[in-house]
Amino acid sequence: MHGLERRRRRRVAAGEKAKGYNREGAFQGRRDRRRKGRRALCGETPPLPNHTLAYPPRDPAYRQTAYLVYYTDVDAEHAPTAVCSWEHYPERIRWPAHYSREERPALYEREVRVTVPAGALLAYSMRTFHRGTPFRADGGRIGQFITYAPAAWKWLGITGWSAQAIRPEFRAWIEAATPEERHAFGFPAPGHPYWTDETLDRVAARYPGMDMTPYRDAVQE
């Protein structure tokens, strides 16, 4: 077991109200095998929308934070992660989670490439637009992804059913299921404090085929 995971489990055992997930990865590239830069995406998980079954609101009670620990140097030639500050997308509903350069060129123009020495740490929320970039030279980089989410909310995190939320077939099931069935998979139930005008509109944008009536009616009661 990795040392970081052992320390996390000790904190949880001591009563710390957070759950964390970590994943190690080695990334390598060659000049003659450049992968294309990814589309700008909202890190609500993949991190994309696979960190939650619902949607990440502004309320800090439901906030998740991702960390990327760098074990090797990353320069401009070795696929640095690109991030874009919240100040550049103040819209109320951040959906869809992906945009091409043609769809929203300003996100790409204002992004920052994270070039860092080994031992550095990148921290960002699941509401942050970010993307991968291509290798421009031979070499590689090694890093570890760690995500923390409030332990109380079962619809959050990178493991479990929330990790399936990016699959079209699972999204279709969410839209067709009853509130009771969704709740059995960890989805917030009607009447939960999570539901506000903001989250109702955002979840409706994510799942356009979902009947939001039970959730809206419970908020109005």
Foldseek 3Di string as FASTA:
>chain_A
DDPVVVVQVVCVVVPDQKDKDKDKDKWWDAQVGKDAWFFWFQPCCCCHQLFFLFDQAPPPQWWKKKKKAWQAWFDPQAWFKKWADCVVPVDLACPDGGDHCVRPVVRVVRIDGDGGGHGDMDMDISRIIMIIHIHNHGDITIIMMMMMGGNVQQRGGCDAPSVVNVPPVVLVCQQVDDLVVVVVRRPDHALPPVDDPSRLVRRCRVRVSHDCVSNVVSVVD
